[in-house]
Amino acid sequence: MLMTRGALTDLIPHAGTMCLLDGVLSWDRNRIRCIARSHRDPDNPLRHAGRLAALCGVEYASQAMAVHGGLTGGGTRPAAGYLASLRDLACRVERLDDLVDDLIIEAENLTGEGSRVIYAFSVTAAGRELLNGRAAVVIDAGIADLGAA
């Protein structure tokens, strides 16, 4: 594993149980591949009525995109990013909490210019695609550090 959970929290604004990723398996200028086990945690903050809906996989992918932004930006926390839209989202399962295998989250930067970035993403477990889609992210260049204030 290239990066563990502890190092991830330096790159994203999420802390504690809200940091859903456990590590980075690989990354380059255009792609990132992360691993997560938190979908099995009964205390996962995204659970509702004891269940973790497959749609929550979008948050896993969003965190992978944020980590990628930090890594490609020189290893520092990027400005705040806001999910502006989702396209071609396909969920192939109803929930994530009943999966015994680790989640693999992949994101690919398709295009990025200034404060707008578009990623394709997928979440798989044991080689089975659980959800995929594209996300447009708007970077707020006015917020450099969410921890300040």
Protein backbone atom coordinates (compact mmCIF):
# COMPACT_ATOMS: atom_id res chain seq x y z
CA MET A 1 0.00 0.00 0.00
CA LEU A 2 1.43 3.37 -1.05
CA MET A 3 -0.41 5.45 1.52
CA THR A 4 -2.25 4.52 4.70
CA ARG A 5 -5.34 6.02 6.29
CA GLY A 6 -3.31 8.28 8.57
CA ALA A 7 -1.61 10.00 5.65
CA LEU A 8 -4.92 10.38 3.79
CA THR A 9 -6.35 12.65 6.46
CA ASP A 10 -3.70 15.23 5.58
CA LEU A 11 -5.15 15.42 2.06
CA ILE A 12 -8.90 15.54 2.70
CA PRO A 13 -11.07 17.49 5.12
CA HIS A 14 -12.63 14.32 6.55
CA ALA A 15 -11.44 13.01 9.90
CA GLY A 16 -12.36 10.24 12.30
CA THR A 17 -14.97 7.82 11.02
CA MET A 18 -15.90 10.22 8.21
CA CYS A 19 -12.60 9.37 6.49
CA LEU A 20 -13.95 6.33 4.66
CA LEU A 21 -10.80 5.24 2.82
CA ASP A 22 -8.13 2.97 4.32
CA GLY A 23 -5.35 3.55 1.82
CA VAL A 24 -4.06 4.31 -1.64
CA LEU A 25 -3.03 1.27 -3.68
CA SER A 26 -1.73 3.17 -6.71
CA TRP A 27 -1.90 6.55 -8.40
CA ASP A 28 -0.47 8.53 -11.26
CA ARG A 29 -1.16 11.91 -12.84
CA ASN A 30 -4.59 10.80 -14.14
CA ARG A 31 -5.79 7.96 -11.90
CA ILE A 32 -6.04 6.76 -8.35
CA ARG A 33 -6.93 3.38 -6.86
CA CYS A 34 -7.93 3.23 -3.19
CA ILE A 35 -9.08 0.57 -0.74
CA ALA A 36 -11.76 0.79 1.95
CA ARG A 37 -13.05 -1.49 4.69
CA SER A 38 -15.31 0.99 6.47
CA HIS A 39 -18.42 -0.22 4.66
CA ARG A 40 -18.48 -3.17 7.11
CA ASP A 41 -18.18 -0.96 10.20
CA PRO A 42 -21.47 -0.81 12.16
CA ASP A 43 -20.50 2.75 13.20
CA ASN A 44 -20.05 3.99 9.62
CA PRO A 45 -21.49 7.54 9.74
CA LEU A 46 -23.29 7.08 6.42
CA ARG A 47 -25.37 4.16 7.64
CA HIS A 48 -29.09 4.72 7.98
CA ALA A 49 -31.27 2.27 9.87
CA GLY A 50 -28.28 -0.07 10.12
CA ARG A 51 -27.72 -0.17 6.36
CA LEU A 52 -25.23 1.44 4.00
CA ALA A 53 -26.91 2.17 0.67
CA ALA A 54 -24.91 1.59 -2.51
CA LEU A 55 -25.38 5.26 -3.36
CA CYS A 56 -22.97 6.02 -0.49
CA GLY A 57 -20.28 4.68 -2.82
CA VAL A 58 -20.35 8.14 -4.41
CA GLU A 59 -18.87 9.54 -1.18
CA TYR A 60 -16.12 6.91 -1.27
CA ALA A 61 -15.35 7.96 -4.85
CA SER A 62 -15.47 11.66 -3.92
CA GLN A 63 -12.90 11.09 -1.20
CA ALA A 64 -10.66 9.22 -3.66
CA MET A 65 -10.94 12.20 -6.05
CA ALA A 66 -9.98 14.58 -3.24
CA VAL A 67 -6.95 12.46 -2.34
CA HIS A 68 -5.95 12.41 -6.01
CA GLY A 69 -6.23 16.19 -6.14
CA GLY A 70 -3.96 16.46 -3.13
CA LEU A 71 -1.39 14.04 -4.50
CA THR A 72 -1.25 15.65 -7.93
CA GLY A 73 -1.15 19.08 -6.30
CA GLY A 74 2.12 18.38 -4.52
CA GLY A 75 0.95 16.45 -1.48
CA THR A 76 -1.00 19.23 0.18
CA ARG A 77 -4.66 19.53 0.99
CA PRO A 78 -6.43 20.93 -2.08
CA ALA A 79 -8.95 23.73 -1.93
CA ALA A 80 -12.47 22.62 -1.05
CA GLY A 81 -14.21 20.72 -3.81
CA TYR A 82 -17.94 20.53 -4.31
CA LEU A 83 -19.72 17.78 -6.20
CA ALA A 84 -21.54 19.73 -8.90
CA SER A 85 -23.16 16.87 -10.83
CA LEU A 86 -23.27 13.14 -11.36
CA ARG A 87 -23.72 11.59 -14.79
CA ASP A 88 -24.34 8.04 -15.96
CA LEU A 89 -24.53 6.78 -12.37
CA ALA A 90 -25.24 3.05 -12.27
CA CYS A 91 -25.71 1.15 -9.00
CA ARG A 92 -25.62 -2.61 -9.42
CA VAL A 93 -26.32 -3.50 -5.80
CA GLU A 94 -28.68 -2.08 -3.18
CA ARG A 95 -26.25 -1.88 -0.30
CA LEU A 96 -22.58 -2.02 0.61
CA ASP A 97 -22.66 -3.08 4.26
CA ASP A 98 -23.41 -6.72 3.48
CA LEU A 99 -20.28 -7.18 1.32
CA VAL A 100 -17.48 -9.16 2.96
CA ASP A 101 -14.75 -8.09 0.52
CA ASP A 102 -12.84 -4.80 0.63
CA LEU A 103 -14.00 -2.02 -1.64
CA ILE A 104 -11.70 -0.88 -4.42
CA ILE A 105 -12.38 2.68 -5.49
CA GLU A 106 -10.95 3.92 -8.77
CA ALA A 107 -11.16 7.43 -10.17
CA GLU A 108 -9.79 8.81 -13.42
CA ASN A 109 -9.42 12.49 -14.14
CA LEU A 110 -11.01 12.87 -17.57
CA THR A 111 -10.55 16.59 -17.86
CA GLY A 112 -9.71 19.48 -15.66
CA GLU A 113 -9.35 23.15 -16.35
CA GLY A 114 -8.97 25.71 -13.62
CA SER A 115 -11.61 25.18 -10.99
CA ARG A 116 -13.58 22.45 -12.80
CA VAL A 117 -12.65 18.77 -12.88
CA ILE A 118 -14.48 15.75 -14.28
CA TYR A 119 -13.73 12.24 -13.04
CA ALA A 120 -14.97 8.82 -14.06
CA PHE A 121 -15.21 6.50 -11.07
CA SER A 122 -16.05 2.97 -10.09
CA VAL A 123 -16.41 1.00 -6.88
CA THR A 124 -15.80 -2.75 -7.01
CA ALA A 125 -15.46 -5.65 -4.57
CA ALA A 126 -13.84 -8.96 -5.46
CA GLY A 127 -13.78 -7.93 -9.13
CA ARG A 128 -17.52 -7.18 -9.20
CA GLU A 129 -18.54 -3.67 -10.21
CA LEU A 130 -20.91 -2.20 -7.62
CA LEU A 131 -21.39 1.29 -9.01
CA ASN A 132 -19.83 3.63 -11.51
CA GLY A 133 -20.39 7.01 -13.07
CA ARG A 134 -18.90 10.41 -13.77
CA ALA A 135 -18.66 13.35 -11.40
CA ALA A 136 -18.10 17.03 -12.06
CA VAL A 137 -16.30 18.77 -9.21
CA VAL A 138 -15.98 22.52 -8.74
CA ILE A 139 -12.96 23.64 -6.76
CA ASP A 140 -13.44 26.69 -4.56
CA ALA A 141 -10.08 28.41 -4.90
CA GLY A 142 -11.11 30.82 -2.14
CA ILE A 143 -10.89 28.14 0.56
CA ALA A 144 -7.34 26.83 0.90
CA ASP A 145 -7.68 25.07 4.26
CA LEU A 146 -10.95 23.84 5.69
CA GLY A 147 -9.28 23.32 9.05
CA ALA A 148 -8.57 27.01 9.53
CA ALA A 149 -11.06 29.28 11.27
